[in-house]
N, C-alpha and C. Protein backbone atom coordinates (compact mmCIF):
# COMPACT_ATOMS: atom_id res chain seq x y z
N UNK A 1 3.83 -2.17 18.39
CA UNK A 1 3.93 -3.48 19.26
C UNK A 1 2.89 -4.49 18.79
N UNK A 2 1.46 -3.95 18.68
CA UNK A 2 0.35 -4.73 18.25
C UNK A 2 0.67 -5.10 16.80
N UNK A 3 1.01 -4.08 16.04
CA UNK A 3 1.23 -4.40 14.63
C UNK A 3 2.39 -5.33 14.36
N UNK A 4 3.58 -5.30 14.98
CA UNK A 4 4.50 -6.24 14.84
C UNK A 4 4.27 -7.73 15.40
N UNK A 5 3.31 -7.85 16.35
CA UNK A 5 2.85 -9.09 16.86
C UNK A 5 2.04 -9.59 15.72
N UNK A 6 0.99 -8.92 15.31
CA UNK A 6 0.05 -9.69 14.46
C UNK A 6 0.72 -9.98 13.18
N UNK A 7 1.64 -9.13 12.57
CA UNK A 7 2.35 -9.48 11.20
C UNK A 7 3.22 -10.70 11.57
N UNK A 8 3.90 -10.86 12.65
CA UNK A 8 4.63 -11.91 12.94
C UNK A 8 3.81 -13.30 13.06
N UNK A 9 2.72 -13.10 13.67
CA UNK A 9 1.87 -14.41 13.80
C UNK A 9 1.37 -14.71 12.48
N UNK A 10 1.07 -13.75 11.64
CA UNK A 10 0.27 -14.10 10.41
C UNK A 10 1.41 -14.47 9.40
N UNK A 11 2.73 -14.25 9.53
CA UNK A 11 3.83 -14.71 8.71
C UNK A 11 4.06 -16.23 8.99
N UNK A 12 3.79 -16.66 10.23
CA UNK A 12 3.96 -18.05 10.49
C UNK A 12 2.97 -18.79 10.02
N UNK A 13 1.78 -18.57 10.12
CA UNK A 13 0.59 -19.06 9.61
C UNK A 13 0.66 -19.32 8.13
N UNK A 14 0.88 -18.14 7.46
CA UNK A 14 1.05 -18.10 5.95
C UNK A 14 2.12 -19.02 5.58
N UNK A 15 3.20 -19.14 6.28
CA UNK A 15 4.33 -20.06 5.86
C UNK A 15 3.94 -21.44 5.97
N UNK A 16 3.12 -21.78 6.89
CA UNK A 16 2.85 -23.16 7.33
C UNK A 16 1.79 -23.48 6.16
N UNK A 17 0.82 -22.71 5.82
CA UNK A 17 -0.23 -23.16 5.02
C UNK A 17 0.11 -22.59 3.45
N UNK A 18 0.94 -21.91 3.10
CA UNK A 18 1.32 -21.33 1.77
C UNK A 18 2.44 -21.48 1.36
N UNK A 19 3.48 -21.59 2.10
CA UNK A 19 4.82 -21.73 1.71
C UNK A 19 5.38 -20.23 1.73
N UNK A 20 6.55 -20.16 1.22
CA UNK A 20 7.51 -19.01 1.43
C UNK A 20 7.05 -17.99 0.20
N UNK A 21 6.71 -16.78 0.39
CA UNK A 21 6.24 -15.79 -0.65
C UNK A 21 7.58 -15.50 -1.37
N UNK A 22 7.36 -14.90 -2.49
CA UNK A 22 8.54 -14.35 -3.15
C UNK A 22 8.49 -12.67 -3.37
N UNK A 23 9.44 -12.19 -3.12
CA UNK A 23 9.56 -10.78 -3.08
C UNK A 23 10.49 -10.28 -4.04
N UNK A 24 10.17 -9.52 -5.04
CA UNK A 24 10.90 -9.03 -6.08
C UNK A 24 11.41 -7.58 -5.91
N UNK A 25 12.58 -7.32 -5.92
CA UNK A 25 13.08 -6.01 -5.92
C UNK A 25 12.88 -5.33 -4.38
N UNK A 26 12.85 -6.19 -3.38
CA UNK A 26 12.63 -5.71 -2.18
C UNK A 26 13.73 -4.62 -1.63
N UNK A 27 14.97 -4.75 -2.37
CA UNK A 27 15.87 -3.84 -1.92
C UNK A 27 15.65 -2.18 -2.39
N UNK A 28 14.66 -2.25 -3.22
CA UNK A 28 14.39 -0.92 -3.67
C UNK A 28 13.58 -0.18 -2.58
N UNK A 29 12.95 -0.82 -1.39
CA UNK A 29 12.22 0.05 -0.55
C UNK A 29 13.02 0.91 0.38
N UNK A 30 12.74 2.10 0.50
CA UNK A 30 13.72 3.06 1.27
C UNK A 30 13.73 2.72 2.47
N UNK A 31 15.00 2.95 3.15
CA UNK A 31 15.29 2.33 4.31
C UNK A 31 15.36 3.43 5.67
N UNK A 32 15.68 4.76 5.05
CA UNK A 32 16.06 5.80 6.02
C UNK A 32 14.96 6.77 6.10
N UNK A 33 13.71 6.71 5.42
CA UNK A 33 12.63 7.57 5.53
C UNK A 33 11.41 6.59 5.32
N UNK A 34 10.26 7.35 5.66
CA UNK A 34 8.96 6.77 5.37
C UNK A 34 8.63 6.84 4.02
N UNK A 35 7.72 6.41 3.51
CA UNK A 35 7.10 6.48 2.23
C UNK A 35 5.69 6.14 2.02
N UNK A 36 5.36 6.47 0.64
CA UNK A 36 3.71 6.28 0.33
C UNK A 36 3.91 5.03 -0.60
N UNK A 37 3.45 3.91 0.10
CA UNK A 37 3.31 2.63 -0.92
C UNK A 37 1.97 2.61 -1.41
N UNK A 38 2.02 2.43 -2.83
CA UNK A 38 0.66 2.47 -3.50
C UNK A 38 0.65 1.11 -4.26
N UNK A 39 -0.52 0.36 -4.17
CA UNK A 39 -0.70 -0.77 -4.96
C UNK A 39 -2.18 -0.94 -5.36
N UNK A 40 -2.44 -1.72 -6.32
CA UNK A 40 -3.79 -1.92 -6.87
C UNK A 40 -4.43 -2.90 -5.93
N UNK A 41 -5.59 -2.73 -5.37
CA UNK A 41 -6.34 -3.48 -4.40
C UNK A 41 -6.92 -4.69 -5.14
N UNK A 42 -6.44 -5.87 -5.03
CA UNK A 42 -7.06 -6.96 -5.91
C UNK A 42 -7.76 -7.99 -5.23
N UNK A 43 -7.58 -7.90 -3.75
CA UNK A 43 -8.29 -9.02 -2.71
C UNK A 43 -8.22 -8.53 -1.46
N UNK A 44 -8.70 -9.17 -0.51
CA UNK A 44 -8.64 -8.60 0.93
C UNK A 44 -7.36 -9.27 1.41
N UNK A 45 -6.48 -9.98 0.68
CA UNK A 45 -5.28 -10.63 1.06
C UNK A 45 -4.08 -9.85 0.73
N UNK A 46 -4.24 -9.06 -0.20
CA UNK A 46 -3.02 -8.26 -0.77
C UNK A 46 -2.37 -7.69 0.39
N UNK A 47 -3.15 -6.72 1.19
CA UNK A 47 -2.47 -5.86 2.16
C UNK A 47 -1.61 -6.83 2.99
N UNK A 48 -2.02 -7.90 3.35
CA UNK A 48 -1.18 -8.79 4.23
C UNK A 48 0.26 -9.12 3.83
N UNK A 49 0.22 -9.61 2.51
CA UNK A 49 1.51 -10.11 1.91
C UNK A 49 2.18 -8.66 1.62
N UNK A 50 1.69 -7.61 1.23
CA UNK A 50 2.54 -6.45 0.97
C UNK A 50 3.07 -5.97 2.26
N UNK A 51 2.49 -6.07 3.23
CA UNK A 51 3.03 -5.62 4.72
C UNK A 51 4.05 -6.54 5.22
N UNK A 52 4.00 -7.82 4.82
CA UNK A 52 4.96 -8.81 5.01
C UNK A 52 6.38 -8.48 4.24
N UNK A 53 6.07 -8.24 3.05
CA UNK A 53 7.18 -7.79 2.02
C UNK A 53 7.91 -6.64 2.55
N UNK A 54 7.32 -5.61 3.08
CA UNK A 54 7.91 -4.37 3.56
C UNK A 54 8.45 -4.50 5.03
N UNK A 55 8.42 -5.64 5.72
CA UNK A 55 8.93 -5.69 6.87
C UNK A 55 10.35 -5.42 7.02
N UNK A 56 10.81 -4.84 8.16
CA UNK A 56 10.24 -4.40 9.44
C UNK A 56 9.59 -3.06 9.38
N UNK A 57 9.46 -2.50 8.22
CA UNK A 57 8.79 -1.28 8.35
C UNK A 57 7.23 -1.30 8.62
N UNK A 58 6.81 -0.50 9.62
CA UNK A 58 5.44 -0.49 10.00
C UNK A 58 4.59 0.63 9.10
N UNK A 59 3.30 0.17 9.15
CA UNK A 59 2.47 1.11 8.16
C UNK A 59 1.26 1.69 8.77
N UNK A 60 0.72 2.68 8.47
CA UNK A 60 -0.77 3.14 8.64
C UNK A 60 -1.60 2.84 7.42
N UNK A 61 -2.80 2.78 7.47
CA UNK A 61 -3.65 2.57 6.47
C UNK A 61 -4.99 3.52 6.39
N UNK A 62 -5.12 3.77 5.05
CA UNK A 62 -6.41 4.62 4.92
C UNK A 62 -7.46 3.59 4.60
N UNK A 63 -8.59 3.60 5.64
CA UNK A 63 -9.71 2.64 5.29
C UNK A 63 -10.98 3.28 5.42
N UNK A 64 -11.93 2.76 4.45
CA UNK A 64 -13.17 3.38 4.55
C UNK A 64 -13.87 3.42 5.93
N UNK A 65 -14.50 4.28 6.15
CA UNK A 65 -15.00 4.65 7.64
C UNK A 65 -16.05 3.47 8.12
N UNK A 66 -16.80 2.85 7.09
CA UNK A 66 -17.73 1.78 7.19
C UNK A 66 -17.02 0.55 7.93
N UNK A 67 -15.91 0.23 7.64
CA UNK A 67 -15.18 -0.68 8.45
C UNK A 67 -15.10 -0.66 9.88
N UNK A 68 -15.22 0.62 10.19
CA UNK A 68 -15.02 0.81 11.73
C UNK A 68 -16.45 0.69 12.54
N UNK A 69 -17.42 0.52 11.79
CA UNK A 69 -18.76 0.39 12.36
C UNK A 69 -18.81 -0.85 13.35
N UNK A 70 -18.18 -2.01 13.12
CA UNK A 70 -18.30 -2.93 13.85
C UNK A 70 -17.30 -2.72 15.12
N UNK A 71 -17.59 -2.72 16.16
CA UNK A 71 -16.81 -2.40 17.30
C UNK A 71 -15.55 -3.31 17.44
N UNK A 72 -15.65 -4.67 17.27
CA UNK A 72 -14.41 -5.50 17.53
C UNK A 72 -13.60 -5.27 16.31
N UNK A 73 -13.81 -5.38 15.05
CA UNK A 73 -13.12 -5.35 13.81
C UNK A 73 -12.60 -3.85 13.87
N UNK A 74 -13.37 -2.81 14.23
CA UNK A 74 -12.92 -1.41 14.35
C UNK A 74 -11.74 -1.18 15.28
N UNK A 75 -11.85 -1.92 16.41
CA UNK A 75 -10.81 -1.79 17.25
C UNK A 75 -9.60 -2.54 16.67
N UNK A 76 -9.68 -3.71 16.10
CA UNK A 76 -8.58 -4.38 15.56
C UNK A 76 -7.87 -3.62 14.59
N UNK A 77 -8.65 -3.12 13.57
CA UNK A 77 -7.74 -2.41 12.66
C UNK A 77 -7.27 -0.90 12.89
N UNK A 78 -7.98 -0.43 13.96
CA UNK A 78 -7.44 0.72 14.63
C UNK A 78 -6.13 0.49 15.27
N UNK A 79 -5.89 -0.74 15.97
CA UNK A 79 -4.65 -1.03 16.45
C UNK A 79 -3.64 -1.46 15.56
N UNK A 80 -3.88 -1.74 14.32
CA UNK A 80 -3.16 -1.93 13.11
C UNK A 80 -2.80 -0.64 12.38
N UNK A 81 -3.06 0.43 13.02
CA UNK A 81 -2.68 1.72 12.64
C UNK A 81 -3.56 2.17 11.31
N UNK A 82 -4.83 1.64 11.39
CA UNK A 82 -5.75 2.08 10.19
C UNK A 82 -6.42 3.37 10.76
N UNK A 83 -6.92 4.31 9.99
CA UNK A 83 -7.59 5.34 10.35
C UNK A 83 -8.72 5.61 9.45
N UNK A 84 -10.01 6.04 9.76
CA UNK A 84 -11.26 5.98 8.85
C UNK A 84 -11.11 7.40 7.98
N UNK A 85 -11.84 7.07 6.54
CA UNK A 85 -11.78 8.04 5.71
C UNK A 85 -13.23 8.08 5.11
N UNK A 86 -13.93 9.09 5.02
CA UNK A 86 -15.12 9.08 4.35
C UNK A 86 -14.83 9.25 2.92
N UNK A 87 -15.14 8.20 2.03
CA UNK A 87 -14.89 8.59 0.72
C UNK A 87 -15.70 9.25 -0.12
N UNK A 88 -17.13 9.32 0.45
CA UNK A 88 -18.07 9.99 -0.12
C UNK A 88 -17.80 11.58 0.05
N UNK A 89 -17.50 11.99 1.40
CA UNK A 89 -17.35 13.25 1.67
C UNK A 89 -16.09 13.53 2.30
N UNK A 90 -15.00 13.18 1.49
CA UNK A 90 -13.61 13.47 2.16
C UNK A 90 -13.39 14.79 2.63
N UNK A 91 -12.66 14.77 3.93
CA UNK A 91 -12.38 16.17 4.48
C UNK A 91 -10.93 16.43 4.65
N UNK A 92 -10.54 17.42 4.77
CA UNK A 92 -9.08 18.04 4.72
C UNK A 92 -8.32 16.99 5.58
N UNK A 93 -8.84 16.41 6.80
CA UNK A 93 -8.02 15.62 7.65
C UNK A 93 -7.63 14.30 7.02
N UNK A 94 -8.40 13.85 5.75
CA UNK A 94 -8.01 12.69 5.15
C UNK A 94 -6.57 12.90 4.58
N UNK A 95 -6.14 14.07 4.24
CA UNK A 95 -4.74 14.38 3.68
C UNK A 95 -3.90 14.88 4.72
N UNK A 96 -4.44 15.63 5.60
CA UNK A 96 -3.53 16.15 6.61
C UNK A 96 -3.04 15.14 7.66
N UNK A 97 -3.91 14.16 8.06
CA UNK A 97 -3.42 13.14 9.01
C UNK A 97 -2.26 12.29 8.62
N UNK A 98 -2.25 11.63 7.37
CA UNK A 98 -1.29 10.78 6.88
C UNK A 98 0.15 11.73 6.67
N UNK A 99 0.02 12.91 6.25
CA UNK A 99 1.07 13.86 5.99
C UNK A 99 1.84 13.95 7.11
N UNK A 100 1.25 14.29 8.34
CA UNK A 100 1.53 14.35 9.77
C UNK A 100 2.34 13.19 10.22
N UNK A 101 1.57 11.90 9.83
CA UNK A 101 2.38 10.42 10.25
C UNK A 101 3.52 10.51 9.53
N UNK A 102 3.53 10.72 8.32
CA UNK A 102 4.79 10.49 7.35
C UNK A 102 5.99 11.37 8.04
N UNK A 103 5.62 12.77 8.17
CA UNK A 103 6.63 13.58 8.56
C UNK A 103 7.18 13.16 9.93
N UNK A 104 6.64 12.55 10.77
CA UNK A 104 7.18 12.04 12.07
C UNK A 104 7.87 10.85 11.88
N UNK A 105 7.99 10.40 10.74
CA UNK A 105 9.10 9.36 10.34
C UNK A 105 9.03 8.13 11.19
N UNK A 106 7.76 7.81 11.53
CA UNK A 106 7.69 6.51 12.34
C UNK A 106 6.86 5.41 11.53
N UNK A 107 5.78 5.96 10.84
CA UNK A 107 5.06 4.93 10.01
C UNK A 107 4.94 5.35 8.44
N UNK A 108 5.08 4.41 7.66
CA UNK A 108 5.03 4.60 6.32
C UNK A 108 3.35 4.75 6.01
N UNK A 109 3.03 4.93 4.85
CA UNK A 109 1.47 4.76 4.48
C UNK A 109 1.23 3.90 3.38
N UNK A 110 0.17 3.17 3.51
CA UNK A 110 -0.30 2.22 2.30
C UNK A 110 -1.49 2.86 1.90
N UNK A 111 -1.60 3.05 0.45
CA UNK A 111 -2.90 3.43 -0.11
C UNK A 111 -3.08 2.14 -1.20
N UNK A 112 -4.38 1.79 -1.23
CA UNK A 112 -4.93 1.04 -2.29
C UNK A 112 -6.07 1.51 -3.12
N UNK A 113 -5.70 2.02 -4.42
CA UNK A 113 -6.70 2.44 -5.19
C UNK A 113 -7.73 1.21 -5.66
N UNK A 114 -8.92 1.61 -5.78
CA UNK A 114 -9.75 0.30 -6.14
C UNK A 114 -10.23 0.62 -7.63
N UNK A 115 -10.83 -0.45 -8.22
CA UNK A 115 -11.50 -0.36 -9.52
C UNK A 115 -10.51 -0.86 -10.45
N UNK A 116 -11.24 -1.28 -11.72
CA UNK A 116 -10.40 -1.87 -12.66
C UNK A 116 -9.23 -0.96 -13.36
N UNK A 117 -9.55 0.31 -13.09
CA UNK A 117 -8.32 1.29 -13.41
C UNK A 117 -7.71 1.93 -12.25
N UNK A 118 -7.90 1.38 -11.18
CA UNK A 118 -7.38 1.91 -9.97
C UNK A 118 -7.48 3.30 -9.61
N UNK A 119 -8.75 3.69 -9.73
CA UNK A 119 -9.26 4.75 -9.12
C UNK A 119 -8.40 5.97 -9.31
N UNK A 120 -8.70 6.91 -10.17
CA UNK A 120 -7.85 8.07 -10.42
C UNK A 120 -7.94 9.10 -9.36
N UNK A 121 -9.03 8.99 -8.52
CA UNK A 121 -9.12 9.94 -7.29
C UNK A 121 -8.19 9.51 -6.22
N UNK A 122 -7.86 8.33 -5.89
CA UNK A 122 -7.13 7.75 -4.87
C UNK A 122 -5.74 7.94 -5.19
N UNK A 123 -5.37 7.67 -6.46
CA UNK A 123 -4.02 7.99 -7.12
C UNK A 123 -3.65 9.46 -6.90
N UNK A 124 -4.52 10.44 -7.30
CA UNK A 124 -4.50 11.77 -6.91
C UNK A 124 -4.16 12.05 -5.66
N UNK A 125 -4.85 11.58 -4.44
CA UNK A 125 -4.67 11.73 -3.08
C UNK A 125 -3.23 11.26 -2.88
N UNK A 126 -2.84 10.14 -3.18
CA UNK A 126 -1.60 9.73 -2.90
C UNK A 126 -0.20 10.68 -3.49
N UNK A 127 -0.55 11.12 -4.68
CA UNK A 127 0.37 12.11 -5.07
C UNK A 127 0.33 13.39 -4.30
N UNK A 128 -0.81 13.96 -3.82
CA UNK A 128 -0.86 15.13 -3.13
C UNK A 128 -0.16 14.79 -1.61
N UNK A 129 -0.31 13.54 -1.11
CA UNK A 129 0.37 13.36 -0.03
C UNK A 129 1.62 13.18 0.09
N UNK A 130 2.29 12.48 -1.01
CA UNK A 130 3.70 12.50 -1.28
C UNK A 130 4.42 13.80 -1.48
N UNK A 131 3.51 14.61 -2.29
CA UNK A 131 4.13 15.98 -2.40
C UNK A 131 4.23 16.81 -1.21
N UNK A 132 3.26 16.96 -0.57
CA UNK A 132 3.13 17.55 0.61
C UNK A 132 4.07 17.27 1.94
N UNK A 133 4.21 15.96 2.00
CA UNK A 133 4.99 15.13 3.13
C UNK A 133 6.51 15.17 2.57
N UNK A 134 6.81 15.27 1.48
CA UNK A 134 8.06 15.13 0.70
C UNK A 134 8.62 13.77 0.87
N UNK A 135 7.82 12.81 0.75
CA UNK A 135 8.15 11.50 0.98
C UNK A 135 8.03 10.74 -0.40
N UNK A 136 8.93 9.83 -0.76
CA UNK A 136 8.68 9.12 -2.05
C UNK A 136 7.47 8.26 -2.23
N UNK A 137 6.93 8.07 -3.30
CA UNK A 137 5.90 6.92 -3.59
C UNK A 137 6.62 5.79 -4.21
N UNK A 138 6.06 4.51 -3.73
CA UNK A 138 6.64 3.37 -4.04
C UNK A 138 5.46 2.42 -4.66
N UNK A 139 5.47 2.10 -6.00
CA UNK A 139 4.48 1.38 -6.47
C UNK A 139 4.71 -0.15 -6.35
N UNK A 140 3.86 -0.84 -5.94
CA UNK A 140 3.80 -2.18 -5.57
C UNK A 140 2.58 -3.02 -6.17
N UNK A 141 2.86 -4.25 -6.77
CA UNK A 141 1.90 -4.99 -7.10
C UNK A 141 1.76 -6.44 -6.48
N UNK A 142 0.77 -6.94 -6.33
CA UNK A 142 0.62 -8.46 -5.52
C UNK A 142 0.06 -9.24 -6.52
N UNK A 143 0.65 -10.47 -6.60
CA UNK A 143 -0.02 -11.67 -7.40
C UNK A 143 0.02 -12.75 -6.51
N UNK A 144 -1.09 -13.72 -6.62
CA UNK A 144 -1.01 -14.91 -5.84
C UNK A 144 -2.48 -15.27 -5.49
N UNK A 145 -2.40 -15.89 -4.29
CA UNK A 145 -3.79 -16.34 -3.62
C UNK A 145 -4.56 -15.19 -3.48
N UNK A 146 -5.86 -15.29 -4.00
CA UNK A 146 -6.77 -13.92 -3.89
C UNK A 146 -7.96 -14.42 -2.85
N UNK A 147 -8.13 -15.64 -2.38
CA UNK A 147 -8.75 -15.98 -1.62
C UNK A 147 -8.23 -16.97 -0.33
N UNK A 148 -9.01 -17.20 0.59
CA UNK A 148 -8.35 -18.17 1.80
C UNK A 148 -8.33 -19.59 1.03
N UNK A 149 -9.38 -19.82 0.28
CA UNK A 149 -9.22 -21.21 -0.41
C UNK A 149 -7.94 -21.44 -1.14
N UNK A 150 -7.49 -20.29 -1.83
CA UNK A 150 -6.35 -20.45 -2.61
C UNK A 150 -4.98 -20.43 -1.83
N UNK A 151 -5.02 -19.90 -0.52
CA UNK A 151 -4.08 -20.27 0.20
C UNK A 151 -3.77 -21.41 0.67
N UNK A 152 -4.76 -22.21 1.05
CA UNK A 152 -4.70 -23.61 1.34
C UNK A 152 -4.28 -24.46 0.28
N UNK A 153 -4.55 -23.86 -1.05
CA UNK A 153 -4.11 -24.65 -2.41
C UNK A 153 -2.53 -24.39 -2.49
N UNK A 154 -1.99 -23.55 -1.72
CA UNK A 154 -0.54 -23.15 -1.74
C UNK A 154 -0.23 -22.46 -3.03
N UNK A 155 -1.09 -21.67 -3.70
CA UNK A 155 -1.00 -20.82 -4.80
C UNK A 155 0.11 -19.74 -4.40
N UNK A 156 1.21 -19.85 -5.12
CA UNK A 156 2.44 -18.85 -4.85
C UNK A 156 1.94 -17.57 -4.99
N UNK A 157 2.51 -16.82 -3.88
CA UNK A 157 2.28 -15.35 -3.39
C UNK A 157 3.51 -14.67 -3.93
N UNK A 158 3.27 -13.61 -4.69
CA UNK A 158 4.41 -12.83 -5.32
C UNK A 158 4.19 -11.14 -4.92
N UNK A 159 5.12 -10.57 -4.49
CA UNK A 159 5.11 -9.13 -4.38
C UNK A 159 6.32 -8.48 -5.19
N UNK A 160 5.82 -7.62 -6.00
CA UNK A 160 6.66 -6.97 -7.03
C UNK A 160 6.85 -5.52 -6.57
N UNK A 161 8.13 -5.02 -6.31
CA UNK A 161 8.16 -3.57 -5.95
C UNK A 161 9.01 -2.68 -6.98
N UNK A 162 8.26 -1.70 -7.21
CA UNK A 162 8.81 -0.84 -8.37
C UNK A 162 9.88 0.21 -7.84
N UNK A 163 10.38 1.22 -8.81
CA UNK A 163 11.44 2.22 -8.38
C UNK A 163 10.62 3.34 -7.63
N UNK A 164 11.00 3.51 -6.48
CA UNK A 164 10.44 4.81 -5.65
C UNK A 164 10.72 6.04 -6.50
N UNK A 165 9.86 7.19 -6.33
CA UNK A 165 10.09 8.43 -6.96
C UNK A 165 9.32 9.56 -6.09
N UNK A 166 9.95 10.56 -6.06
CA UNK A 166 9.29 11.86 -5.62
C UNK A 166 8.51 12.61 -6.43
N UNK A 167 7.64 13.30 -5.84
CA UNK A 167 6.52 14.08 -6.65
C UNK A 167 7.25 15.39 -6.55
N UNK A 168 7.53 15.98 -7.72
CA UNK A 168 7.99 17.54 -7.84
C UNK A 168 6.51 18.39 -7.84
N UNK A 169 6.78 19.54 -7.37
CA UNK A 169 5.76 20.43 -7.38
C UNK A 169 5.40 21.05 -8.66
N UNK A 170 6.48 21.13 -9.52
CA UNK A 170 6.25 21.69 -10.92
C UNK A 170 7.46 20.86 -11.71
N UNK A 171 6.83 20.60 -12.99
CA UNK A 171 7.67 20.00 -13.87
C UNK A 171 7.59 20.82 -15.32
N UNK A 172 8.72 20.99 -15.89
CA UNK A 172 8.50 21.69 -17.22
C UNK A 172 7.68 21.15 -18.20
N UNK A 173 6.82 21.75 -18.81
CA UNK A 173 5.90 21.23 -19.78
C UNK A 173 4.82 20.32 -19.26
N UNK A 174 4.60 20.23 -17.94
CA UNK A 174 3.66 19.60 -17.46
C UNK A 174 2.51 20.50 -16.74
N UNK A 175 1.44 20.67 -17.40
CA UNK A 175 0.22 21.37 -16.84
C UNK A 175 -0.42 20.88 -15.60
N UNK A 176 -0.68 19.55 -15.58
CA UNK A 176 -1.36 18.77 -14.44
C UNK A 176 -0.59 17.87 -13.93
N UNK A 177 0.19 18.23 -12.80
CA UNK A 177 0.96 17.36 -11.96
C UNK A 177 0.11 16.14 -11.51
N UNK A 178 -0.88 16.32 -11.03
CA UNK A 178 -1.46 15.18 -10.29
C UNK A 178 -1.92 14.12 -11.70
N UNK A 179 -2.35 14.55 -12.68
CA UNK A 179 -2.52 13.52 -13.91
C UNK A 179 -1.25 12.94 -14.39
N UNK A 180 -0.26 13.85 -14.49
CA UNK A 180 1.07 13.28 -14.94
C UNK A 180 1.64 12.01 -13.82
N UNK A 181 1.43 12.40 -12.70
CA UNK A 181 2.19 11.36 -11.67
C UNK A 181 1.07 10.06 -11.51
N UNK A 182 -0.22 10.19 -11.64
CA UNK A 182 -1.33 9.29 -11.67
C UNK A 182 -0.98 8.45 -12.96
N UNK A 183 -0.54 8.92 -13.90
CA UNK A 183 -0.09 8.23 -15.17
C UNK A 183 0.91 7.52 -14.82
N UNK A 184 2.01 8.02 -14.21
CA UNK A 184 3.17 7.42 -14.03
C UNK A 184 3.13 6.13 -13.03
N UNK A 185 2.13 6.17 -11.94
CA UNK A 185 1.71 5.14 -11.22
C UNK A 185 1.08 4.08 -11.85
N UNK A 186 0.19 4.47 -12.73
CA UNK A 186 -0.58 3.36 -13.55
C UNK A 186 0.39 2.76 -14.39
N UNK A 187 1.27 3.28 -14.98
CA UNK A 187 2.34 2.65 -15.95
C UNK A 187 3.15 1.69 -15.15
N UNK A 188 3.69 2.18 -13.86
CA UNK A 188 4.37 1.65 -12.99
C UNK A 188 3.73 0.07 -12.66
N UNK A 189 2.37 0.13 -12.35
CA UNK A 189 1.56 -1.05 -12.13
C UNK A 189 1.61 -1.99 -13.26
N UNK A 190 1.50 -1.41 -14.52
CA UNK A 190 1.54 -2.32 -15.58
C UNK A 190 2.91 -2.98 -15.86
N UNK A 191 3.95 -2.16 -15.70
CA UNK A 191 5.26 -2.65 -15.87
C UNK A 191 5.54 -3.81 -14.82
N UNK A 192 5.32 -3.63 -13.62
CA UNK A 192 5.41 -4.65 -12.80
C UNK A 192 4.56 -5.94 -12.96
N UNK A 193 3.29 -5.85 -13.51
CA UNK A 193 2.73 -6.94 -13.59
C UNK A 193 3.35 -7.68 -14.82
N UNK A 194 4.07 -7.11 -15.74
CA UNK A 194 4.78 -8.05 -16.83
C UNK A 194 5.94 -8.56 -16.54
N UNK A 195 6.41 -8.49 -15.08
CA UNK A 195 7.58 -9.05 -14.67
C UNK A 195 7.16 -10.65 -14.50
N UNK A 196 7.92 -11.56 -15.20
CA UNK A 196 7.54 -12.80 -15.14
C UNK A 196 8.33 -13.47 -13.69
N UNK A 197 7.73 -14.45 -13.33
CA UNK A 197 8.20 -15.08 -12.07
C UNK A 197 8.42 -16.58 -12.35
N UNK A 198 9.42 -17.06 -11.88
CA UNK A 198 9.73 -18.57 -12.07
C UNK A 198 8.71 -19.26 -11.15
N UNK A 199 8.20 -20.30 -11.75
CA UNK A 199 7.35 -21.29 -10.77
C UNK A 199 8.20 -22.21 -9.98
C-alpha cells in the first residue's frame, strides 16, 4: 500500500516537472511471475523511473546497511520494501531473504550493480538468486535526468527493457555458470544502451 501510494505520488510530480517518460519494450516484463530486475546504477534517480516503468509490479530492494542508520530515512526505505545488506561482510541471509520473497510471488527484486563495469560481485549475486528462486532475470537500462536539476530542465527520461532469461544450473561447454550469465547481463546492458530513442 505504502509503495503504491509513494509511486503514484512521485509519478504525478515527475510528469508535472519532467514530462512523460519513454518506456521501450515494456511488454517484455513478465506478467505472471516475479522476477529479478537488474540495471546499472547511474544515479539516485534511476530506481524511481525503473519502478515507474515496471508498474503495477511492486519490488523489494537490496540496499547497503548504512542507508538504514538514519532513523527517518531507514523507516522510509524499509516501508518501500528495502532491506539492508552488509556489502563488506555479506551473510547467507543476503541471498536467502530475496529468494524467499521471490518464491512468495508477491514482490519482484531490483538489484543495481555499481561501478563503471557494473560490479561483477553483484551480478553474480543476481545470478545466484535467480537460479535458486527459479525466476527470470530482466536486464534494464535507464537514460535521462541524473540529477534533480536535470529533471527541472525536462531532460527526457528513458527506460529500456531487455529480454528476460532464466538461469540454468548447467550449460554444456560452460565451466563457470556465474561468469557466463554475468557476461550475458553485461552484454544486455551494452545492447540496450545502443538502442536509439527519437527526441
